[in-house]
Amino acid sequence: MIGIDLIKTDRMKRFMERFGDHGLHRFLCEAEIALVKNPKTAAGFWAAKEACAKALGCGIGSECGFHDILLSKTPKGAPTLTLSSKVAESFGIIGASVSITHDGEYAISVVALERLPL
C-alpha cells in the first residue's frame, strides 16, 4: 500500500507562527518535535503522516490519528516510520518505509506499507 502527500512549506510556517509549540503538539510527540529544526522539517513530517494515513486507506481520523504514526531518524539522518501497535495490528501492517523530500517551497513524502498476506 502506498500513500503520498505534498504540503507548501509556507503553510507550515504560518501554522507554527500562529500556534507555536502547541500547534506542533497537535500532530507530533515530544521526540518528533525535538527533531524539528524549522518549518521545512515540520512540513515534511506532516506530509509523511498524511501519506501514511493515505496508504492505510483511512486518512487521519478515528482509525489512525497523528500520534499513531511516529517518525524518527536513523543515525545517518534518514527518516523512519513506526505505527502504534493498535494501528499495526488493526491493519495487519508488518513493515513501513518512508521518504521525505523538499523542493523549493514544497515538502513531499511517500510511504509504503507492507501488510500481512490476506
C-alpha atoms as a PDB file:
ATOM      1  CA  MET A   1       0.000   0.000   0.000  1.00  0.00           C
ATOM      2  CA  ILE A   2       1.381   3.383  -0.998  1.00  0.00           C
ATOM      3  CA  GLY A   3       0.466   6.918   0.044  1.00  0.00           C
ATOM      4  CA  ILE A   4       1.824  10.314  -0.992  1.00  0.00           C
ATOM      5  CA  ASP A   5       1.347  13.840   0.311  1.00  0.00           C
ATOM      6  CA  LEU A   6       2.591  17.304  -0.565  1.00  0.00           C
ATOM      7  CA  ILE A   7       2.457  20.488   1.516  1.00  0.00           C
ATOM      8  CA  LYS A   8       3.622  24.015   0.837  1.00  0.00           C
ATOM      9  CA  THR A   9       6.226  24.864   3.485  1.00  0.00           C
ATOM     10  CA  ASP A  10       4.847  28.392   3.841  1.00  0.00           C
ATOM     11  CA  ARG A  11       1.588  26.876   5.090  1.00  0.00           C
ATOM     12  CA  MET A  12       3.501  25.157   7.903  1.00  0.00           C
ATOM     13  CA  LYS A  13       5.445  28.338   8.636  1.00  0.00           C
ATOM     14  CA  ARG A  14       2.183  30.265   9.126  1.00  0.00           C
ATOM     15  CA  PHE A  15       0.780  27.412  11.252  1.00  0.00           C
ATOM     16  CA  MET A  16       3.848  27.483  13.511  1.00  0.00           C
ATOM     17  CA  GLU A  17       3.780  31.280  13.802  1.00  0.00           C
ATOM     18  CA  ARG A  18       0.112  31.195  14.763  1.00  0.00           C
ATOM     19  CA  PHE A  19       0.095  28.208  17.137  1.00  0.00           C
ATOM     20  CA  GLY A  20       3.756  27.721  18.161  1.00  0.00           C
ATOM     21  CA  ASP A  21       4.661  24.568  20.092  1.00  0.00           C
ATOM     22  CA  HIS A  22       1.002  23.977  20.951  1.00  0.00           C
ATOM     23  CA  GLY A  23       0.331  23.560  17.241  1.00  0.00           C
ATOM     24  CA  LEU A  24       3.202  21.125  16.808  1.00  0.00           C
ATOM     25  CA  HIS A  25       1.866  19.016  19.696  1.00  0.00           C
ATOM     26  CA  ARG A  26      -1.343  18.510  17.700  1.00  0.00           C
ATOM     27  CA  PHE A  27       0.477  16.224  15.274  1.00  0.00           C
ATOM     28  CA  LEU A  28       3.927  15.486  16.770  1.00  0.00           C
ATOM     29  CA  CYS A  29       5.139  13.898  20.007  1.00  0.00           C
ATOM     30  CA  GLU A  30       7.992  15.372  22.065  1.00  0.00           C
ATOM     31  CA  ALA A  31      10.660  13.202  20.418  1.00  0.00           C
ATOM     32  CA  GLU A  32       9.491  14.325  16.961  1.00  0.00           C
ATOM     33  CA  ILE A  33       9.359  17.993  17.988  1.00  0.00           C
ATOM     34  CA  ALA A  34      12.981  17.677  19.139  1.00  0.00           C
ATOM     35  CA  LEU A  35      13.897  16.774  15.532  1.00  0.00           C
ATOM     36  CA  VAL A  36      12.107  19.786  14.020  1.00  0.00           C
ATOM     37  CA  LYS A  37      14.696  22.369  13.046  1.00  0.00           C
ATOM     38  CA  ASN A  38      12.431  24.684  11.031  1.00  0.00           C
ATOM     39  CA  PRO A  39       9.044  24.856   9.257  1.00  0.00           C
ATOM     40  CA  LYS A  40      10.502  22.890   6.347  1.00  0.00           C
ATOM     41  CA  THR A  41      11.211  19.901   8.621  1.00  0.00           C
ATOM     42  CA  ALA A  42       7.785  20.171  10.260  1.00  0.00           C
ATOM     43  CA  ALA A  43       6.148  20.264   6.820  1.00  0.00           C
ATOM     44  CA  GLY A  44       7.991  17.090   5.838  1.00  0.00           C
ATOM     45  CA  PHE A  45       6.786  15.343   8.995  1.00  0.00           C
ATOM     46  CA  TRP A  46       3.205  16.484   8.321  1.00  0.00           C
ATOM     47  CA  ALA A  47       3.402  15.159   4.763  1.00  0.00           C
ATOM     48  CA  ALA A  48       4.800  11.824   5.987  1.00  0.00           C
ATOM     49  CA  LYS A  49       1.988  11.311   8.474  1.00  0.00           C
ATOM     50  CA  GLU A  50      -0.653  12.251   5.895  1.00  0.00           C
ATOM     51  CA  ALA A  51       0.957   9.934   3.321  1.00  0.00           C
ATOM     52  CA  CYS A  52       0.932   7.087   5.858  1.00  0.00           C
ATOM     53  CA  ALA A  53      -2.767   7.586   6.618  1.00  0.00           C
ATOM     54  CA  LYS A  54      -3.488   7.608   2.885  1.00  0.00           C
ATOM     55  CA  ALA A  55      -1.528   4.366   2.458  1.00  0.00           C
ATOM     56  CA  LEU A  56      -3.703   2.828   5.170  1.00  0.00           C
ATOM     57  CA  GLY A  57      -6.743   3.957   3.198  1.00  0.00           C
ATOM     58  CA  CYS A  58      -8.415   5.689   6.122  1.00  0.00           C
ATOM     59  CA  GLY A  59      -6.905   9.155   6.368  1.00  0.00           C
ATOM     60  CA  ILE A  60      -6.285  10.832   9.706  1.00  0.00           C
ATOM     61  CA  GLY A  61      -9.227  10.182  11.992  1.00  0.00           C
ATOM     62  CA  SER A  62     -10.601   7.696  14.487  1.00  0.00           C
ATOM     63  CA  GLU A  63      -8.868   4.653  12.940  1.00  0.00           C
ATOM     64  CA  CYS A  64      -5.445   6.315  12.809  1.00  0.00           C
ATOM     65  CA  GLY A  65      -4.524   9.598  14.448  1.00  0.00           C
ATOM     66  CA  PHE A  66      -1.398  11.705  14.026  1.00  0.00           C
ATOM     67  CA  HIS A  67       0.032  10.266  17.258  1.00  0.00           C
ATOM     68  CA  ASP A  68      -0.394   6.688  15.998  1.00  0.00           C
ATOM     69  CA  ILE A  69       2.370   7.429  13.471  1.00  0.00           C
ATOM     70  CA  LEU A  70       5.832   8.021  14.945  1.00  0.00           C
ATOM     71  CA  LEU A  71       8.678   9.490  12.907  1.00  0.00           C
ATOM     72  CA  SER A  72      12.317   9.267  13.883  1.00  0.00           C
ATOM     73  CA  LYS A  73      15.686   9.333  12.165  1.00  0.00           C
ATOM     74  CA  THR A  74      18.463   6.821  11.692  1.00  0.00           C
ATOM     75  CA  PRO A  75      21.999   7.731  12.805  1.00  0.00           C
ATOM     76  CA  LYS A  76      22.627   8.838   9.205  1.00  0.00           C
ATOM     77  CA  GLY A  77      19.566  11.128   9.260  1.00  0.00           C
ATOM     78  CA  ALA A  78      17.163   9.059   7.141  1.00  0.00           C
ATOM     79  CA  PRO A  79      13.536   9.185   8.294  1.00  0.00           C
ATOM     80  CA  THR A  80      11.871   6.106   9.763  1.00  0.00           C
ATOM     81  CA  LEU A  81       8.216   5.466  10.473  1.00  0.00           C
ATOM     82  CA  THR A  82       6.673   3.307  13.197  1.00  0.00           C
ATOM     83  CA  LEU A  83       2.975   2.681  13.720  1.00  0.00           C
ATOM     84  CA  SER A  84       1.292   2.259  17.095  1.00  0.00           C
ATOM     85  CA  SER A  85       0.578  -1.370  17.949  1.00  0.00           C
ATOM     86  CA  LYS A  86      -3.155  -0.592  17.738  1.00  0.00           C
ATOM     87  CA  VAL A  87      -2.887   0.573  14.122  1.00  0.00           C
ATOM     88  CA  ALA A  88      -0.303  -2.019  13.057  1.00  0.00           C
ATOM     89  CA  GLU A  89      -2.462  -4.863  14.396  1.00  0.00           C
ATOM     90  CA  SER A  90      -5.745  -3.429  13.145  1.00  0.00           C
ATOM     91  CA  PHE A  91      -4.449  -3.058   9.576  1.00  0.00           C
ATOM     92  CA  GLY A  92      -2.078  -6.059   9.606  1.00  0.00           C
ATOM     93  CA  ILE A  93       0.986  -3.914   8.892  1.00  0.00           C
ATOM     94  CA  ILE A  94       4.340  -5.699   9.168  1.00  0.00           C
ATOM     95  CA  GLY A  95       6.630  -3.110   7.557  1.00  0.00           C
ATOM     96  CA  ALA A  96       6.796   0.580   6.735  1.00  0.00           C
ATOM     97  CA  SER A  97       9.084   2.719   4.591  1.00  0.00           C
ATOM     98  CA  VAL A  98       9.059   6.494   4.309  1.00  0.00           C
ATOM     99  CA  SER A  99      10.785   9.032   2.110  1.00  0.00           C
ATOM    100  CA  ILE A 100      10.620  12.790   2.639  1.00  0.00           C
ATOM    101  CA  THR A 101      11.969  15.355   0.204  1.00  0.00           C
ATOM    102  CA  HIS A 102      11.884  19.105  -0.145  1.00  0.00           C
ATOM    103  CA  ASP A 103      11.870  21.036  -3.395  1.00  0.00           C
ATOM    104  CA  GLY A 104      11.562  24.790  -3.474  1.00  0.00           C
ATOM    105  CA  GLU A 105       8.567  25.704  -1.366  1.00  0.00           C
ATOM    106  CA  TYR A 106       7.215  22.159  -1.042  1.00  0.00           C
ATOM    107  CA  ALA A 107       7.696  19.147   1.195  1.00  0.00           C
ATOM    108  CA  ILE A 108       6.701  15.801  -0.292  1.00  0.00           C
ATOM    109  CA  SER A 109       6.511  12.371   1.310  1.00  0.00           C
ATOM    110  CA  VAL A 110       5.845   8.851   0.077  1.00  0.00           C
ATOM    111  CA  VAL A 111       5.026   5.978   2.431  1.00  0.00           C
ATOM    112  CA  ALA A 112       4.940   2.286   1.504  1.00  0.00           C
ATOM    113  CA  LEU A 113       3.329  -0.159   3.920  1.00  0.00           C
ATOM    114  CA  GLU A 114       3.660  -3.934   3.885  1.00  0.00           C
ATOM    115  CA  ARG A 115       0.627  -5.905   5.005  1.00  0.00           C
ATOM    116  CA  LEU A 116       0.289  -9.481   6.170  1.00  0.00           C
ATOM    117  CA  PRO A 117      -0.958 -11.713   3.345  1.00  0.00           C
ATOM    118  CA  LEU A 118      -4.743 -11.986   3.372  1.00  0.00           C
END
